[in-house]
Each structure stands twice: as structure tokens, then as C-alpha cells.
Amino acid sequence: MSREIEQLDDQGMAAWDQHDVDAFMSLFAADFVWSDLTLPEPMRTRDQARQYMQAWFTAFPDMRVRQTNRVVSEDAAAAEVEFTGTNSGPMLMAGREIPPTGRRVVGKGAYFVRVEAGKVVQFSSHPDVAGLMMQLGLTPEL
């Protein structure tokens, strides 16, 4: 079973890296919960998840993502990720649109996924927003 979780996780990473929202969403169960620390409420609909993903791909059209560490169990996976991209599109943040900075970033984050019957039922994403904002020049560097 852990091999199946690994394959599902690989498909999700490939879909995200290729900006293929439909392929990513096809891995989710009809009834799912996606929590992201940047959002006040979890996403529970495909439309919400699509908008979230599209916002990232709009802000960073050349975004590439890769795993730097992963743990897989019988029904779950957790990974650290790194993404690179240039902020050449507007970003949506806290309900506001922030103009592109033109800066190239190396972002980090982590996610956790729980799977039932071969589909994602819980997804939790943790992008390092503070690090990203500092690289974009949108917060003072510490």
C-alpha cells in the first residue's frame, strides 16, 4: 500500500510542477479537506482548490517544484518541497492583489496528505510565506 501512496504523491508532484490543475485535482476524493496556513478556512471544493493553485501559477508562471525530503506510510505522505520561480504575475494575498516584483525566489514548504481508497481526503500545505515575502522585498529582512 505504501508504494501506491508513493505513486499518488509522485503524480501530485508532477502535476504541480507542470501546472496541471486538472491532473492534480483528479487525485482528490469527491469529499476532501485542504488546509493551507495562508487561508483562514480550509478548502472543500474543487473550485476553491483550482483558484488557489491558479493564483500560485499566475504569480510565478515559471514555477518549478521538487521534493527535498519525503516520508510515506500505509495511508499518508509528508514532504518538504522547494520551488523556484520569478514573480512576474500579480499575487493574491489576504484578499489583495500585489503587483509583480520581477524577483526570482527559492521558496520552501511542506505538505501532508492522507489517502483513503486511492484518493486524497486530507491535504495540508505549509508554504514558508515569511521567507517568500522577504525574498520578494515585501517585508523587512531580519
N, C-alpha and C. Protein backbone atom coordinates (compact mmCIF):
# COMPACT_ATOMS: atom_id res chain seq x y z
N MET A 1 0.82 -1.20 0.00
CA MET A 1 0.00 0.00 0.00
C MET A 1 0.86 1.27 0.00
N SER A 2 1.96 1.27 0.72
CA SER A 2 2.78 2.49 0.75
C SER A 2 3.34 2.81 -0.63
N ARG A 3 3.55 1.79 -1.46
CA ARG A 3 4.01 2.04 -2.84
C ARG A 3 2.94 2.80 -3.63
N GLU A 4 1.67 2.46 -3.39
CA GLU A 4 0.57 3.18 -4.06
C GLU A 4 0.51 4.63 -3.60
N ILE A 5 0.75 4.87 -2.32
CA ILE A 5 0.77 6.23 -1.78
C ILE A 5 1.92 7.00 -2.43
N GLU A 6 3.06 6.35 -2.55
CA GLU A 6 4.23 6.97 -3.18
C GLU A 6 3.92 7.36 -4.63
N GLN A 7 3.27 6.47 -5.36
CA GLN A 7 2.92 6.75 -6.76
C GLN A 7 1.94 7.91 -6.86
N LEU A 8 0.94 7.92 -5.98
CA LEU A 8 -0.03 9.01 -5.97
C LEU A 8 0.67 10.33 -5.67
N ASP A 9 1.58 10.31 -4.71
CA ASP A 9 2.33 11.51 -4.34
C ASP A 9 3.20 11.96 -5.52
N ASP A 10 3.84 11.03 -6.20
CA ASP A 10 4.64 11.38 -7.38
C ASP A 10 3.78 12.04 -8.45
N GLN A 11 2.57 11.51 -8.65
CA GLN A 11 1.66 12.09 -9.65
C GLN A 11 1.28 13.52 -9.26
N GLY A 12 1.04 13.73 -7.97
CA GLY A 12 0.70 15.07 -7.49
C GLY A 12 1.83 16.05 -7.69
N MET A 13 3.05 15.62 -7.38
CA MET A 13 4.22 16.49 -7.57
C MET A 13 4.40 16.83 -9.05
N ALA A 14 4.25 15.84 -9.90
CA ALA A 14 4.41 16.07 -11.35
C ALA A 14 3.34 17.04 -11.85
N ALA A 15 2.11 16.86 -11.39
CA ALA A 15 1.01 17.74 -11.82
C ALA A 15 1.28 19.18 -11.38
N TRP A 16 1.75 19.34 -10.14
CA TRP A 16 2.03 20.70 -9.64
C TRP A 16 3.18 21.31 -10.44
N ASP A 17 4.23 20.53 -10.67
CA ASP A 17 5.40 21.03 -11.40
C ASP A 17 5.03 21.43 -12.83
N GLN A 18 4.07 20.73 -13.42
CA GLN A 18 3.65 21.02 -14.80
C GLN A 18 2.48 22.00 -14.85
N HIS A 19 2.06 22.52 -13.68
CA HIS A 19 0.95 23.46 -13.59
C HIS A 19 -0.34 22.86 -14.14
N ASP A 20 -0.52 21.55 -13.93
CA ASP A 20 -1.69 20.84 -14.45
C ASP A 20 -2.72 20.70 -13.33
N VAL A 21 -3.57 21.71 -13.22
CA VAL A 21 -4.56 21.77 -12.14
C VAL A 21 -5.51 20.58 -12.23
N ASP A 22 -5.96 20.23 -13.44
CA ASP A 22 -6.90 19.11 -13.59
C ASP A 22 -6.28 17.79 -13.13
N ALA A 23 -5.04 17.55 -13.50
CA ALA A 23 -4.37 16.30 -13.09
C ALA A 23 -4.21 16.26 -11.57
N PHE A 24 -3.87 17.40 -10.96
CA PHE A 24 -3.72 17.44 -9.51
C PHE A 24 -5.06 17.16 -8.83
N MET A 25 -6.11 17.82 -9.28
CA MET A 25 -7.42 17.67 -8.66
C MET A 25 -8.00 16.27 -8.88
N SER A 26 -7.58 15.59 -9.94
CA SER A 26 -8.09 14.23 -10.19
C SER A 26 -7.63 13.25 -9.11
N LEU A 27 -6.63 13.63 -8.32
CA LEU A 27 -6.12 12.76 -7.26
C LEU A 27 -6.95 12.88 -5.98
N PHE A 28 -7.84 13.87 -5.92
CA PHE A 28 -8.62 14.14 -4.72
C PHE A 28 -9.95 13.40 -4.74
N ALA A 29 -10.38 12.97 -3.55
CA ALA A 29 -11.70 12.36 -3.38
C ALA A 29 -12.77 13.42 -3.60
N ALA A 30 -14.00 12.99 -3.83
CA ALA A 30 -15.10 13.94 -4.01
C ALA A 30 -15.27 14.79 -2.75
N ASP A 31 -15.06 14.20 -1.60
CA ASP A 31 -15.21 14.89 -0.32
C ASP A 31 -13.81 15.01 0.31
N PHE A 32 -13.20 16.18 0.19
CA PHE A 32 -11.84 16.38 0.70
C PHE A 32 -11.79 17.66 1.52
N VAL A 33 -10.71 17.78 2.29
CA VAL A 33 -10.44 19.00 3.04
C VAL A 33 -8.98 19.37 2.78
N TRP A 34 -8.76 20.58 2.27
CA TRP A 34 -7.40 21.08 2.02
C TRP A 34 -7.19 22.31 2.90
N SER A 35 -6.31 22.17 3.88
CA SER A 35 -5.97 23.28 4.77
C SER A 35 -4.65 23.87 4.31
N ASP A 36 -4.59 25.18 4.29
CA ASP A 36 -3.35 25.88 3.95
C ASP A 36 -3.18 26.98 4.98
N LEU A 37 -1.98 27.09 5.53
CA LEU A 37 -1.80 28.05 6.61
C LEU A 37 -1.98 29.50 6.17
N THR A 38 -2.03 29.76 4.86
CA THR A 38 -2.26 31.13 4.39
C THR A 38 -3.74 31.47 4.27
N LEU A 39 -4.61 30.49 4.47
CA LEU A 39 -6.05 30.70 4.30
C LEU A 39 -6.78 30.59 5.63
N PRO A 40 -7.78 31.45 5.86
CA PRO A 40 -8.50 31.40 7.13
C PRO A 40 -9.37 30.16 7.30
N GLU A 41 -9.84 29.60 6.20
CA GLU A 41 -10.73 28.43 6.23
C GLU A 41 -10.20 27.37 5.27
N PRO A 42 -10.41 26.09 5.59
CA PRO A 42 -9.99 25.03 4.66
C PRO A 42 -10.78 25.09 3.35
N MET A 43 -10.15 24.62 2.30
CA MET A 43 -10.83 24.49 1.01
C MET A 43 -11.54 23.14 0.99
N ARG A 44 -12.77 23.14 0.52
CA ARG A 44 -13.55 21.90 0.46
C ARG A 44 -14.16 21.65 -0.92
N THR A 45 -13.95 22.60 -1.84
CA THR A 45 -14.49 22.42 -3.19
C THR A 45 -13.37 22.47 -4.22
N ARG A 46 -13.62 21.84 -5.33
CA ARG A 46 -12.64 21.84 -6.41
C ARG A 46 -12.41 23.25 -6.94
N ASP A 47 -13.46 24.07 -6.98
CA ASP A 47 -13.30 25.45 -7.46
C ASP A 47 -12.35 26.23 -6.55
N GLN A 48 -12.50 26.09 -5.23
CA GLN A 48 -11.59 26.78 -4.30
C GLN A 48 -10.15 26.32 -4.53
N ALA A 49 -9.96 25.02 -4.66
CA ALA A 49 -8.61 24.47 -4.85
C ALA A 49 -8.01 24.93 -6.18
N ARG A 50 -8.82 24.96 -7.22
CA ARG A 50 -8.35 25.44 -8.52
C ARG A 50 -7.92 26.90 -8.45
N GLN A 51 -8.71 27.73 -7.78
CA GLN A 51 -8.38 29.15 -7.65
C GLN A 51 -7.08 29.33 -6.87
N TYR A 52 -6.89 28.54 -5.82
CA TYR A 52 -5.67 28.61 -5.02
C TYR A 52 -4.46 28.27 -5.88
N MET A 53 -4.55 27.15 -6.60
CA MET A 53 -3.42 26.73 -7.44
C MET A 53 -3.15 27.75 -8.54
N GLN A 54 -4.21 28.21 -9.18
CA GLN A 54 -4.05 29.16 -10.28
C GLN A 54 -3.41 30.46 -9.80
N ALA A 55 -3.70 30.86 -8.56
CA ALA A 55 -3.09 32.08 -8.00
C ALA A 55 -1.57 31.92 -7.92
N TRP A 56 -1.10 30.74 -7.50
CA TRP A 56 0.35 30.48 -7.46
C TRP A 56 0.95 30.52 -8.86
N PHE A 57 0.27 29.87 -9.81
CA PHE A 57 0.82 29.79 -11.17
C PHE A 57 0.74 31.12 -11.90
N THR A 58 -0.19 31.99 -11.51
CA THR A 58 -0.27 33.33 -12.08
C THR A 58 0.87 34.19 -11.54
N ALA A 59 1.11 34.09 -10.25
CA ALA A 59 2.17 34.89 -9.62
C ALA A 59 3.56 34.43 -10.06
N PHE A 60 3.71 33.12 -10.27
CA PHE A 60 5.01 32.53 -10.63
C PHE A 60 4.83 31.62 -11.85
N PRO A 61 4.66 32.21 -13.05
CA PRO A 61 4.37 31.40 -14.23
C PRO A 61 5.47 30.38 -14.58
N ASP A 62 6.69 30.64 -14.15
CA ASP A 62 7.79 29.70 -14.45
C ASP A 62 8.11 28.80 -13.26
N MET A 63 7.19 28.70 -12.31
CA MET A 63 7.41 27.91 -11.10
C MET A 63 7.76 26.45 -11.41
N ARG A 64 8.79 25.99 -10.75
CA ARG A 64 9.17 24.58 -10.78
C ARG A 64 9.24 24.12 -9.34
N VAL A 65 8.84 22.90 -9.07
CA VAL A 65 8.79 22.40 -7.69
C VAL A 65 9.43 21.01 -7.62
N ARG A 66 10.10 20.77 -6.49
CA ARG A 66 10.70 19.45 -6.29
C ARG A 66 10.67 19.12 -4.80
N GLN A 67 10.64 17.83 -4.52
CA GLN A 67 10.70 17.39 -3.13
C GLN A 67 12.16 17.35 -2.68
N THR A 68 12.38 17.72 -1.43
CA THR A 68 13.72 17.63 -0.86
C THR A 68 13.76 16.55 0.23
N ASN A 69 12.60 16.08 0.66
CA ASN A 69 12.52 15.07 1.70
C ASN A 69 11.10 14.50 1.67
N ARG A 70 10.94 13.20 1.94
CA ARG A 70 9.59 12.62 1.94
C ARG A 70 9.54 11.42 2.87
N VAL A 71 8.40 11.28 3.53
CA VAL A 71 8.09 10.12 4.36
C VAL A 71 6.75 9.58 3.88
N VAL A 72 6.67 8.27 3.70
CA VAL A 72 5.44 7.64 3.22
C VAL A 72 5.04 6.53 4.18
N SER A 73 3.73 6.46 4.49
CA SER A 73 3.22 5.37 5.32
C SER A 73 2.16 4.62 4.53
N GLU A 74 1.40 3.80 5.21
CA GLU A 74 0.37 3.00 4.54
C GLU A 74 -0.79 3.84 4.00
N ASP A 75 -1.04 4.99 4.61
CA ASP A 75 -2.18 5.80 4.16
C ASP A 75 -1.87 7.30 4.10
N ALA A 76 -0.58 7.65 4.16
CA ALA A 76 -0.24 9.08 4.21
C ALA A 76 1.16 9.32 3.65
N ALA A 77 1.40 10.58 3.35
CA ALA A 77 2.74 11.02 2.93
C ALA A 77 2.96 12.42 3.46
N ALA A 78 4.20 12.74 3.72
CA ALA A 78 4.59 14.08 4.13
C ALA A 78 5.88 14.41 3.41
N ALA A 79 6.02 15.64 3.00
CA ALA A 79 7.23 16.01 2.26
C ALA A 79 7.58 17.47 2.49
N GLU A 80 8.88 17.73 2.37
CA GLU A 80 9.38 19.10 2.28
C GLU A 80 9.58 19.36 0.80
N VAL A 81 9.28 20.57 0.39
CA VAL A 81 9.42 20.92 -1.02
C VAL A 81 10.19 22.23 -1.15
N GLU A 82 10.72 22.40 -2.34
CA GLU A 82 11.40 23.63 -2.70
C GLU A 82 10.87 24.03 -4.06
N PHE A 83 10.57 25.32 -4.22
CA PHE A 83 10.17 25.77 -5.55
C PHE A 83 10.99 26.97 -5.95
N THR A 84 11.17 27.09 -7.23
CA THR A 84 11.84 28.25 -7.80
C THR A 84 10.87 28.91 -8.76
N GLY A 85 10.99 30.20 -8.88
CA GLY A 85 10.13 30.91 -9.81
C GLY A 85 10.39 32.40 -9.77
N THR A 86 9.91 33.06 -10.80
CA THR A 86 10.02 34.51 -10.91
C THR A 86 8.64 35.11 -10.72
N ASN A 87 8.54 36.06 -9.84
CA ASN A 87 7.25 36.71 -9.57
C ASN A 87 6.96 37.71 -10.69
N SER A 88 6.50 37.17 -11.81
CA SER A 88 6.23 38.03 -12.97
C SER A 88 4.74 38.25 -13.19
N GLY A 89 3.92 37.75 -12.28
CA GLY A 89 2.48 37.99 -12.35
C GLY A 89 1.98 38.49 -11.01
N PRO A 90 0.76 39.06 -10.98
CA PRO A 90 0.23 39.56 -9.72
C PRO A 90 -0.03 38.44 -8.72
N MET A 91 0.16 38.75 -7.44
CA MET A 91 -0.09 37.79 -6.37
C MET A 91 -1.33 38.19 -5.61
N LEU A 92 -2.12 37.19 -5.25
CA LEU A 92 -3.27 37.44 -4.38
C LEU A 92 -2.84 37.09 -2.96
N MET A 93 -2.98 38.05 -2.06
CA MET A 93 -2.60 37.81 -0.68
C MET A 93 -3.55 38.57 0.23
N ALA A 94 -4.15 37.83 1.16
CA ALA A 94 -5.08 38.43 2.12
C ALA A 94 -6.17 39.24 1.42
N GLY A 95 -6.65 38.71 0.29
CA GLY A 95 -7.71 39.38 -0.43
C GLY A 95 -7.28 40.58 -1.26
N ARG A 96 -5.97 40.83 -1.30
CA ARG A 96 -5.44 41.96 -2.08
C ARG A 96 -4.57 41.44 -3.21
N GLU A 97 -4.53 42.22 -4.28
CA GLU A 97 -3.64 41.88 -5.38
C GLU A 97 -2.36 42.69 -5.25
N ILE A 98 -1.23 42.01 -5.23
CA ILE A 98 0.07 42.66 -5.11
C ILE A 98 0.74 42.61 -6.47
N PRO A 99 1.19 43.76 -6.99
CA PRO A 99 1.83 43.77 -8.31
C PRO A 99 3.10 42.91 -8.32
N PRO A 100 3.45 42.37 -9.49
CA PRO A 100 4.66 41.55 -9.58
C PRO A 100 5.92 42.34 -9.23
N THR A 101 6.85 41.66 -8.58
CA THR A 101 8.11 42.30 -8.20
C THR A 101 9.21 42.05 -9.23
N GLY A 102 9.03 41.03 -10.07
CA GLY A 102 10.06 40.65 -11.03
C GLY A 102 11.21 39.87 -10.40
N ARG A 103 11.13 39.60 -9.11
CA ARG A 103 12.22 38.91 -8.42
C ARG A 103 12.09 37.39 -8.54
N ARG A 104 13.24 36.77 -8.62
CA ARG A 104 13.33 35.31 -8.64
C ARG A 104 13.47 34.83 -7.19
N VAL A 105 12.76 33.76 -6.84
CA VAL A 105 12.78 33.25 -5.47
C VAL A 105 13.07 31.76 -5.43
N VAL A 106 13.53 31.33 -4.28
CA VAL A 106 13.62 29.91 -3.94
C VAL A 106 12.76 29.75 -2.70
N GLY A 107 11.57 29.19 -2.89
CA GLY A 107 10.63 29.04 -1.79
C GLY A 107 10.71 27.65 -1.19
N LYS A 108 10.30 27.56 0.05
CA LYS A 108 10.29 26.27 0.74
C LYS A 108 8.92 26.05 1.35
N GLY A 109 8.63 24.81 1.65
CA GLY A 109 7.37 24.49 2.28
C GLY A 109 7.30 23.02 2.62
N ALA A 110 6.17 22.63 3.14
CA ALA A 110 5.92 21.23 3.48
C ALA A 110 4.45 20.94 3.23
N TYR A 111 4.14 19.68 3.05
CA TYR A 111 2.74 19.27 2.95
C TYR A 111 2.56 17.89 3.56
N PHE A 112 1.32 17.64 3.94
CA PHE A 112 0.91 16.35 4.49
C PHE A 112 -0.33 15.93 3.75
N VAL A 113 -0.41 14.65 3.40
CA VAL A 113 -1.55 14.15 2.65
C VAL A 113 -2.01 12.82 3.27
N ARG A 114 -3.33 12.67 3.40
CA ARG A 114 -3.90 11.40 3.85
C ARG A 114 -4.80 10.86 2.76
N VAL A 115 -4.68 9.55 2.52
CA VAL A 115 -5.34 8.91 1.39
C VAL A 115 -6.29 7.82 1.89
N GLU A 116 -7.46 7.75 1.28
CA GLU A 116 -8.42 6.67 1.51
C GLU A 116 -8.92 6.19 0.16
N ALA A 117 -8.94 4.89 -0.02
CA ALA A 117 -9.44 4.29 -1.27
C ALA A 117 -8.76 4.89 -2.50
N GLY A 118 -7.47 5.17 -2.40
CA GLY A 118 -6.70 5.64 -3.54
C GLY A 118 -6.87 7.12 -3.88
N LYS A 119 -7.57 7.87 -3.04
CA LYS A 119 -7.80 9.30 -3.31
C LYS A 119 -7.43 10.13 -2.08
N VAL A 120 -7.01 11.36 -2.33
CA VAL A 120 -6.65 12.28 -1.26
C VAL A 120 -7.92 12.75 -0.55
N VAL A 121 -7.96 12.55 0.77
CA VAL A 121 -9.10 13.03 1.55
C VAL A 121 -8.71 14.22 2.44
N GLN A 122 -7.44 14.29 2.83
CA GLN A 122 -6.96 15.43 3.60
C GLN A 122 -5.63 15.88 3.02
N PHE A 123 -5.50 17.18 2.83
CA PHE A 123 -4.26 17.76 2.33
C PHE A 123 -3.98 19.00 3.18
N SER A 124 -2.77 19.13 3.60
CA SER A 124 -2.38 20.27 4.43
C SER A 124 -1.09 20.85 3.86
N SER A 125 -1.11 22.11 3.45
CA SER A 125 0.07 22.72 2.84
C SER A 125 0.58 23.85 3.73
N HIS A 126 1.90 23.94 3.80
CA HIS A 126 2.57 24.89 4.69
C HIS A 126 3.68 25.64 3.96
N PRO A 127 3.33 26.58 3.07
CA PRO A 127 4.37 27.36 2.40
C PRO A 127 5.04 28.32 3.38
N ASP A 128 6.34 28.51 3.22
CA ASP A 128 7.09 29.47 4.05
C ASP A 128 6.85 30.86 3.48
N VAL A 129 5.72 31.43 3.88
CA VAL A 129 5.31 32.73 3.33
C VAL A 129 6.25 33.84 3.79
N ALA A 130 6.70 33.79 5.04
CA ALA A 130 7.60 34.84 5.55
C ALA A 130 8.89 34.88 4.73
N GLY A 131 9.48 33.71 4.48
CA GLY A 131 10.70 33.64 3.67
C GLY A 131 10.46 34.14 2.26
N LEU A 132 9.33 33.78 1.70
CA LEU A 132 8.97 34.21 0.35
C LEU A 132 8.81 35.73 0.29
N MET A 133 8.10 36.29 1.25
CA MET A 133 7.88 37.74 1.28
C MET A 133 9.20 38.50 1.42
N MET A 134 10.12 37.98 2.23
CA MET A 134 11.42 38.64 2.37
C MET A 134 12.17 38.62 1.04
N GLN A 135 12.16 37.49 0.33
CA GLN A 135 12.85 37.42 -0.95
C GLN A 135 12.23 38.35 -1.99
N LEU A 136 10.94 38.57 -1.88
CA LEU A 136 10.24 39.45 -2.82
C LEU A 136 10.39 40.92 -2.44
N GLY A 137 11.02 41.18 -1.29
CA GLY A 137 11.19 42.55 -0.84
C GLY A 137 9.92 43.16 -0.28
N LEU A 138 8.99 42.33 0.16
CA LEU A 138 7.71 42.81 0.65
C LEU A 138 7.65 42.92 2.17
N THR A 139 8.70 42.44 2.86
CA THR A 139 8.81 42.59 4.31
C THR A 139 10.26 42.93 4.64
N PRO A 140 10.48 43.55 5.75
CA PRO A 140 11.87 43.85 6.12
C PRO A 140 12.63 42.55 6.43
N GLU A 141 13.87 42.49 5.99
CA GLU A 141 14.69 41.32 6.28
C GLU A 141 15.13 41.37 7.73
N LEU A 142 15.18 40.22 8.34
CA LEU A 142 15.55 40.14 9.76
C LEU A 142 17.05 40.10 9.91
